[in-house]
Amino acid sequence: MRHTGTVAFLLAISLLLSGGGVAHAQSETSSWTSSDDIAAPAARGGARKILKAVPVPVPNKTALPPVGAGVITTRAPAPPVPTLPSSVPSGDTTVAKTAAGSDPAYEAFDQGRYLTALELAKAGAERGETQAPTLIGRIYQEGLGVPRDDVQAAQWYRRGVELGDVNAMFAFGVMLAEGGAIKKDHDGAAKMFEQAASKGHVTANYNLALLFLSGEGKPENPRRAAAHLRYAAESGLPNAQYDLATLYSTGNGVDADAVEAARWFQRAAEAGMPEAQLDFGIILFQGKGLPPDQKRGAEMFRLAAEKGNPVAQDRLARCHAFGAGVPANLAEAAKWYLIAKSGGVEDKGMEQMVGKLAKADRTKAEQAAIAWNERAAVLQQ
């Protein structure tokens, strides 16, 4: 199959470069795009990383269960995956303006008055307020108004765990999973994520799924991983949607299901995840789990390419070279391939195409690629 695709590719390139073969080249597109070229599965590497963003918890004066209630240790029987709540727990989001105003410490934090927030939160911690230690931990961990101090952050998160705060469980679990200022402890991280997950913390469910997939801190169990991924995916977490799609596409922990894989890749792609946009674009070219749609697939490649994904940039270049889902445009194809090449992608077929361009056209494409990379670098600053 790869040999056939390569022959079709070189034939199309020679026809396009001859100046009068655009229509004929497009007639080669259908066989080319069904080969291992545009529609070949991409190497996935966009998710499967512990998520560590520590959200500011929303003040909640409602008493939480005492420490240990419903907590599952690493040696206890596996708990059921929590049922999906009617709304994502507030602790998994940033502070809502109205909620932040109900507590002086959080209101000060929301306004960027970090030292005031720290002072007020410490006073709240002395009164035993459940979420105050978590806010203090974040201020020290991120060095907001004070020197960064991960040791103090860990101590305050641990205090929040003792008080039963779900965000403290999550934040302390991340620190244990990563190590650094405190000793790396996958078992301890798993315990923290499991406690937070049992209370409905979306990202904790995701991180717990990763531990079940890797076998670090939890016995390797893809089916348990899939269950926690589904909870997080249905709660709207793009990383979980992407990883759940990957499980459905490979049949790992779930029965292989092209329709479900396409559905979850689409959800993650629509959320703006470039790796998902790339994979969903490939699925649209393949027509696996949904009708083929090259135009929409090329648009997915463009969205991911604009976000800097070099594989998507190469796929978009090939789309422009062959008029697959977009009008054939060698100048645009050369530009996107050169951008992809600067990102580490090597593509012998596209390299040959660029090498056969007239010098003026090649120079123009190189300048366009340089300009794009410069703009992208400015936007990343």
Protein backbone atom coordinates (compact mmCIF):
# COMPACT_ATOMS: atom_id res chain seq x y z
CA MET A 1 0.00 0.00 0.00
CA ARG A 2 2.78 2.45 0.86
CA HIS A 3 4.53 1.70 -2.45
CA THR A 4 1.32 2.41 -4.37
CA GLY A 5 0.83 5.68 -2.50
CA THR A 6 4.39 6.78 -3.23
CA VAL A 7 4.02 6.07 -6.95
CA ALA A 8 0.77 8.03 -7.06
CA PHE A 9 2.41 10.84 -5.13
CA LEU A 10 5.38 11.17 -7.49
CA LEU A 11 3.12 10.91 -10.54
CA ALA A 12 0.88 13.66 -9.22
CA ILE A 13 3.87 15.87 -8.42
CA SER A 14 5.30 15.50 -11.92
CA LEU A 15 1.93 16.31 -13.46
CA LEU A 16 1.42 19.34 -11.25
CA LEU A 17 4.90 20.66 -11.97
CA SER A 18 4.38 20.24 -15.71
CA GLY A 19 1.93 23.13 -15.57
CA GLY A 20 -1.06 21.54 -17.25
CA GLY A 21 -1.93 18.58 -15.11
CA VAL A 22 -3.90 20.00 -12.20
CA ALA A 23 -7.13 18.31 -13.19
CA HIS A 24 -5.36 15.04 -13.91
CA ALA A 25 -3.44 15.28 -10.66
CA GLN A 26 -6.68 15.66 -8.79
CA SER A 27 -7.94 12.48 -10.42
CA GLU A 28 -5.06 10.72 -8.67
CA THR A 29 -6.08 12.12 -5.33
CA SER A 30 -8.68 9.53 -4.36
CA SER A 31 -6.26 6.62 -4.62
CA TRP A 32 -3.50 8.64 -2.98
CA THR A 33 -5.60 9.73 -0.02
CA SER A 34 -6.73 6.20 0.66
CA SER A 35 -3.10 5.12 1.01
CA ASP A 36 -0.73 5.60 3.93
CA ASP A 37 -0.12 9.26 3.08
CA ILE A 38 -2.70 11.80 4.22
CA ALA A 39 -4.88 9.31 6.06
CA ALA A 40 -2.12 7.42 7.90
CA PRO A 41 -2.66 7.42 11.67
CA ALA A 42 -0.68 10.12 13.44
CA ALA A 43 1.69 9.38 16.30
CA ARG A 44 -0.33 10.38 19.32
CA GLY A 45 1.38 12.34 22.05
CA GLY A 46 -0.99 15.12 22.95
CA ALA A 47 -2.44 13.72 26.15
CA ARG A 48 -1.47 11.04 28.66
CA LYS A 49 0.28 13.61 30.88
CA ILE A 50 -0.64 14.32 34.47
CA LEU A 51 -2.67 17.52 34.52
CA LYS A 52 -1.36 19.80 37.23
CA ALA A 53 -3.14 23.11 36.92
CA VAL A 54 -4.26 23.94 40.43
CA PRO A 55 -7.58 25.79 40.14
CA VAL A 56 -8.57 28.36 42.71
CA PRO A 57 -11.24 26.66 44.79
CA VAL A 58 -14.59 28.36 45.12
CA PRO A 59 -15.43 29.04 48.77
CA ASN A 60 -17.93 26.55 50.05
CA LYS A 61 -19.11 26.75 53.61
CA THR A 62 -21.00 23.48 53.37
CA ALA A 63 -19.47 20.91 55.69
CA LEU A 64 -17.66 18.12 53.85
CA PRO A 65 -17.46 14.52 55.05
CA PRO A 66 -14.82 13.95 57.73
CA VAL A 67 -11.35 12.91 56.63
CA GLY A 68 -11.35 9.22 55.81
CA ALA A 69 -15.04 8.98 55.00
CA GLY A 70 -15.35 7.16 51.72
CA VAL A 71 -11.58 7.29 51.21
CA ILE A 72 -10.12 4.30 49.44
CA THR A 73 -6.55 3.33 50.20
CA THR A 74 -4.39 1.67 47.59
CA ARG A 75 -5.05 -1.70 49.25
CA ALA A 76 -8.82 -1.39 49.52
CA PRO A 77 -11.29 -2.73 46.95
CA ALA A 78 -11.72 -0.43 43.98
CA PRO A 79 -14.54 2.07 44.45
CA PRO A 80 -17.25 2.56 41.87
CA VAL A 81 -16.60 5.36 39.43
CA PRO A 82 -18.69 8.36 40.56
CA THR A 83 -21.82 9.06 38.60
CA LEU A 84 -21.74 12.14 36.45
CA PRO A 85 -23.05 15.16 38.38
CA SER A 86 -25.54 17.55 36.87
CA SER A 87 -22.75 20.11 36.62
CA VAL A 88 -18.97 20.06 36.81
CA PRO A 89 -17.88 20.53 40.45
CA SER A 90 -17.05 24.15 41.09
CA GLY A 91 -13.67 23.22 42.49
CA ASP A 92 -12.58 22.12 39.03
CA THR A 93 -12.90 25.61 37.60
CA THR A 94 -11.48 29.01 38.27
CA VAL A 95 -13.13 31.24 40.82
CA ALA A 96 -16.50 32.49 39.75
CA LYS A 97 -16.84 36.20 40.28
CA THR A 98 -19.95 35.92 42.42
CA ALA A 99 -18.56 33.10 44.52
CA ALA A 100 -15.24 34.86 45.00
CA GLY A 101 -17.04 37.85 46.42
CA SER A 102 -18.47 35.73 49.25
CA ASP A 103 -15.07 35.33 50.92
CA PRO A 104 -12.60 38.20 51.47
CA ALA A 105 -9.53 36.01 50.86
CA TYR A 106 -10.79 34.75 47.51
CA GLU A 107 -12.04 38.17 46.53
CA ALA A 108 -8.56 39.60 47.18
CA PHE A 109 -6.96 36.75 45.21
CA ASP A 110 -9.32 37.33 42.30
CA GLN A 111 -8.28 40.98 42.28
CA GLY A 112 -4.56 40.13 42.28
CA ARG A 113 -3.99 41.33 45.87
CA TYR A 114 -2.05 38.21 46.77
CA LEU A 115 -0.45 39.35 50.03
CA THR A 116 -3.83 40.44 51.33
CA ALA A 117 -5.32 37.15 50.20
CA LEU A 118 -2.53 35.27 51.99
CA GLU A 119 -3.09 37.15 55.23
CA LEU A 120 -6.85 36.63 55.12
CA ALA A 121 -6.50 32.95 54.16
CA LYS A 122 -4.11 32.32 57.05
CA ALA A 123 -6.62 33.86 59.41
CA GLY A 124 -9.28 31.62 57.87
CA ALA A 125 -7.07 28.57 58.30
CA GLU A 126 -6.69 29.37 61.99
CA ARG A 127 -10.49 29.35 62.23
CA GLY A 128 -10.54 25.93 60.53
CA GLU A 129 -12.02 27.07 57.24
CA THR A 130 -11.84 24.08 54.90
CA GLN A 131 -10.53 25.70 51.73
CA ALA A 132 -8.26 28.36 53.18
CA PRO A 133 -5.14 26.12 53.32
CA THR A 134 -5.55 25.26 49.63
CA LEU A 135 -5.48 28.92 48.65
CA ILE A 136 -2.37 29.45 50.78
CA GLY A 137 -0.74 26.43 49.14
CA ARG A 138 -1.38 27.81 45.68
CA ILE A 139 0.03 31.22 46.57
CA TYR A 140 3.27 29.62 47.79
CA GLN A 141 3.46 27.09 44.96
CA GLU A 142 3.11 29.73 42.26
CA GLY A 143 5.08 32.43 44.08
CA LEU A 144 2.25 34.94 43.92
CA GLY A 145 3.44 37.97 45.89
CA VAL A 146 5.86 35.80 47.87
CA PRO A 147 8.95 33.73 46.96
CA ARG A 148 7.97 30.36 45.54
CA ASP A 149 8.13 27.70 48.23
CA ASP A 150 6.99 24.21 47.25
CA VAL A 151 7.71 22.79 50.69
CA GLN A 152 5.35 25.25 52.35
CA ALA A 153 2.84 24.68 49.56
CA ALA A 154 2.90 20.93 50.21
CA GLN A 155 2.45 21.49 53.95
CA TRP A 156 -0.59 23.69 53.38
CA TYR A 157 -2.07 21.29 50.84
CA ARG A 158 -1.61 18.47 53.34
CA ARG A 159 -3.48 20.57 55.90
CA GLY A 160 -6.27 21.08 53.37
CA VAL A 161 -6.42 17.31 52.85
CA GLU A 162 -6.82 16.83 56.59
CA LEU A 163 -9.75 19.23 56.50
CA GLY A 164 -11.31 17.34 53.59
CA ASP A 165 -10.86 19.88 50.79
CA VAL A 166 -11.11 18.21 47.39
CA ASN A 167 -8.82 20.71 45.65
CA ALA A 168 -6.14 20.18 48.28
CA MET A 169 -6.33 16.44 47.60
CA PHE A 170 -5.85 17.07 43.90
CA ALA A 171 -3.02 19.60 44.31
CA PHE A 172 -1.14 17.46 46.83
CA GLY A 173 -1.59 14.44 44.55
CA VAL A 174 0.02 16.35 41.68
CA MET A 175 3.00 17.26 43.85
CA LEU A 176 3.42 13.63 44.93
CA ALA A 177 3.17 12.45 41.34
CA GLU A 178 5.80 14.92 40.11
CA GLY A 179 8.22 14.94 43.04
CA GLY A 180 10.79 17.70 43.31
CA ALA A 181 10.57 19.64 46.54
CA ILE A 182 8.87 16.62 48.07
CA LYS A 183 9.65 12.98 47.42
CA LYS A 184 7.89 11.45 44.43
CA ASP A 185 5.30 8.98 45.66
CA HIS A 186 3.02 7.38 43.05
CA ASP A 187 1.14 5.41 45.71
CA GLY A 188 0.48 8.58 47.66
CA ALA A 189 -0.52 10.41 44.50
CA ALA A 190 -2.95 7.61 43.61
CA LYS A 191 -4.51 7.85 47.07
CA MET A 192 -4.98 11.61 46.74
CA PHE A 193 -6.42 11.39 43.23
CA GLU A 194 -8.74 8.60 44.31
CA GLN A 195 -10.02 10.63 47.25
CA ALA A 196 -10.63 13.66 45.02
CA ALA A 197 -12.13 11.53 42.25
CA SER A 198 -14.59 9.95 44.69
CA LYS A 199 -15.83 13.49 45.42
CA GLY A 200 -16.35 14.19 41.72
CA HIS A 201 -13.16 16.13 40.91
CA VAL A 202 -12.96 15.89 37.12
CA THR A 203 -9.21 16.29 36.62
CA ALA A 204 -8.47 13.91 39.50
CA ASN A 205 -10.52 11.29 37.66
CA TYR A 206 -8.38 11.91 34.59
CA ASN A 207 -5.07 11.65 36.47
CA LEU A 208 -6.27 8.53 38.26
CA ALA A 209 -7.03 7.01 34.86
CA LEU A 210 -3.45 7.68 33.78
CA LEU A 211 -2.16 5.79 36.82
CA PHE A 212 -4.39 2.83 35.95
CA LEU A 213 -3.00 2.93 32.41
CA SER A 214 0.64 3.16 33.46
CA GLY A 215 0.47 0.84 36.46
CA GLU A 216 2.17 3.48 38.63
CA GLY A 217 0.57 3.81 42.03
CA LYS A 218 -2.31 1.56 40.93
CA PRO A 219 -2.38 -1.92 39.38
CA GLU A 220 -2.47 -1.63 35.60
CA ASN A 221 -6.13 -1.81 34.68
CA PRO A 222 -7.20 -0.32 31.33
CA ARG A 223 -10.88 -0.96 32.02
CA ARG A 224 -10.78 1.05 35.25
CA ALA A 225 -8.82 3.70 33.36
CA ALA A 226 -11.48 3.84 30.67
CA ALA A 227 -14.23 4.28 33.27
CA HIS A 228 -12.48 7.26 34.88
CA LEU A 229 -11.63 8.70 31.46
CA ARG A 230 -15.28 8.49 30.46
CA TYR A 231 -16.32 10.40 33.58
CA ALA A 232 -13.82 13.16 32.84
CA ALA A 233 -14.61 13.13 29.13
CA GLU A 234 -18.35 13.48 29.71
CA SER A 235 -17.56 16.34 32.09
CA GLY A 236 -15.92 18.16 29.18
CA LEU A 237 -12.18 17.60 29.72
CA PRO A 238 -10.52 17.57 26.25
CA ASN A 239 -7.51 15.50 27.36
CA ALA A 240 -9.85 12.80 28.62
CA GLN A 241 -11.93 12.94 25.45
CA TYR A 242 -8.78 12.48 23.37
CA ASP A 243 -7.45 9.59 25.44
CA LEU A 244 -10.84 7.88 25.56
CA ALA A 245 -11.00 8.14 21.77
CA THR A 246 -7.56 6.55 21.58
CA LEU A 247 -8.74 3.64 23.75
CA TYR A 248 -11.74 3.09 21.46
CA SER A 249 -9.54 3.24 18.36
CA THR A 250 -7.10 0.65 19.78
CA GLY A 251 -9.51 -1.52 21.78
CA ASN A 252 -7.55 -0.97 24.99
CA GLY A 253 -9.79 -1.23 28.06
CA VAL A 254 -12.90 -1.06 25.88
CA ASP A 255 -14.18 -2.88 22.83
CA ALA A 256 -12.75 -1.30 19.69
CA ASP A 257 -15.40 0.99 18.25
CA ALA A 258 -14.65 3.29 15.31
CA VAL A 259 -17.88 5.25 15.82
CA GLU A 260 -17.12 5.99 19.47
CA ALA A 261 -13.51 6.82 18.62
CA ALA A 262 -14.63 9.31 15.98
CA ARG A 263 -17.18 10.84 18.36
CA TRP A 264 -14.65 11.49 21.11
CA PHE A 265 -11.92 12.69 18.75
CA GLN A 266 -14.49 15.11 17.37
CA ARG A 267 -15.41 16.35 20.86
CA ALA A 268 -11.74 17.01 21.70
CA ALA A 269 -11.13 18.59 18.31
CA GLU A 270 -14.08 20.93 18.72
CA ALA A 271 -12.65 21.92 22.10
CA GLY A 272 -9.55 23.15 20.24
CA MET A 273 -7.04 20.39 21.02
CA PRO A 274 -4.59 20.32 18.07
CA GLU A 275 -3.66 16.65 18.45
CA ALA A 276 -7.34 15.75 18.34
CA GLN A 277 -7.89 18.00 15.33
CA LEU A 278 -5.08 16.15 13.55
CA ASP A 279 -6.47 12.70 14.38
CA PHE A 280 -10.05 13.72 13.61
CA GLY A 281 -8.88 15.07 10.27
CA ILE A 282 -7.28 11.72 9.49
CA ILE A 283 -10.50 9.94 10.44
CA LEU A 284 -12.46 12.23 8.13
CA PHE A 285 -10.13 11.25 5.26
CA GLN A 286 -10.37 7.56 6.16
CA GLY A 287 -14.12 7.56 6.69
CA LYS A 288 -13.78 5.37 9.78
CA GLY A 289 -16.76 5.68 12.09
CA LEU A 290 -18.35 8.42 10.00
CA PRO A 291 -18.73 9.31 6.32
CA PRO A 292 -15.51 10.53 4.63
CA ASP A 293 -15.24 14.28 4.23
CA GLN A 294 -11.95 15.52 2.76
CA LYS A 295 -12.95 19.18 2.90
CA ARG A 296 -13.68 19.00 6.59
CA GLY A 297 -10.60 16.85 7.17
CA ALA A 298 -8.38 19.44 5.50
CA GLU A 299 -9.95 22.12 7.69
CA MET A 300 -9.06 20.07 10.78
CA PHE A 301 -5.47 19.88 9.55
CA ARG A 302 -5.46 23.64 9.05
CA LEU A 303 -6.72 24.33 12.56
CA ALA A 304 -4.06 22.08 14.09
CA ALA A 305 -1.38 23.45 11.75
CA GLU A 306 -2.16 27.02 12.78
CA LYS A 307 -1.63 25.94 16.41
CA GLY A 308 1.87 24.73 15.53
CA ASN A 309 1.38 20.97 15.15
CA PRO A 310 4.12 19.96 12.66
CA VAL A 311 2.46 16.69 11.58
CA ALA A 312 -0.75 18.57 10.78
CA GLN A 313 1.32 21.14 8.90
CA ASP A 314 2.76 18.36 6.74
CA ARG A 315 -0.69 16.83 6.16
CA LEU A 316 -2.03 20.27 5.18
CA ALA A 317 0.89 20.68 2.78
CA ARG A 318 -0.02 17.38 1.13
CA CYS A 319 -3.67 18.45 0.89
CA HIS A 320 -2.62 21.59 -0.99
CA ALA A 321 -0.21 19.59 -3.18
CA PHE A 322 -2.95 17.23 -4.33
CA GLY A 323 -6.07 19.33 -4.05
CA ALA A 324 -7.40 17.02 -1.35
CA GLY A 325 -10.17 18.89 0.43
CA VAL A 326 -8.71 22.24 -0.70
CA PRO A 327 -7.82 23.70 -4.12
CA ALA A 328 -4.44 22.50 -5.38
CA ASN A 329 -1.87 25.18 -4.58
CA LEU A 330 1.83 24.31 -4.80
CA ALA A 331 2.96 27.59 -3.25
CA GLU A 332 0.79 26.98 -0.19
CA ALA A 333 1.90 23.34 -0.09
CA ALA A 334 5.56 24.35 -0.12
CA LYS A 335 5.02 26.96 2.60
CA TRP A 336 3.33 24.53 4.96
CA TYR A 337 5.86 21.78 4.31
CA LEU A 338 8.75 24.12 5.09
CA ILE A 339 7.00 25.14 8.30
CA ALA A 340 6.53 21.47 9.19
CA LYS A 341 10.17 20.76 8.35
CA SER A 342 11.31 23.51 10.72
CA GLY A 343 9.26 21.68 13.38
CA GLY A 344 11.14 18.42 12.80
CA VAL A 345 9.00 16.63 10.20
CA GLU A 346 10.79 14.89 7.33
CA ASP A 347 8.79 14.04 4.24
CA LYS A 348 10.75 12.81 1.22
CA GLY A 349 7.86 13.28 -1.19
CA MET A 350 7.24 16.88 -0.16
CA GLU A 351 10.98 17.53 -0.13
CA GLN A 352 11.11 16.46 -3.79
CA MET A 353 8.21 18.73 -4.60
CA VAL A 354 9.90 21.76 -3.04
CA GLY A 355 13.19 20.85 -4.75
CA LYS A 356 11.50 20.89 -8.17
CA LEU A 357 9.97 24.32 -7.75
CA ALA A 358 11.40 27.22 -9.71
CA LYS A 359 13.95 29.11 -7.66
CA ALA A 360 11.76 32.18 -7.36
CA ASP A 361 8.78 30.11 -6.19
CA ARG A 362 10.92 28.21 -3.70
CA THR A 363 12.36 31.46 -2.33
CA LYS A 364 8.86 32.89 -1.96
CA ALA A 365 7.71 29.79 -0.07
CA GLU A 366 10.76 29.94 2.21
CA GLN A 367 10.07 33.59 3.01
CA ALA A 368 6.42 32.82 3.74
CA ALA A 369 7.44 29.99 6.07
CA ILE A 370 9.92 32.21 7.90
CA ALA A 371 7.30 34.93 8.30
CA TRP A 372 4.79 32.42 9.68
CA ASN A 373 7.30 31.05 12.20
CA GLU A 374 8.21 34.56 13.31
CA ARG A 375 4.56 35.43 13.90
CA ALA A 376 4.03 32.21 15.79
CA ALA A 377 7.06 32.90 17.99
CA VAL A 378 5.70 36.36 18.86
CA LEU A 379 2.30 34.95 19.77
CA GLN A 380 3.91 32.39 22.10
CA GLN A 381 5.71 35.09 24.09
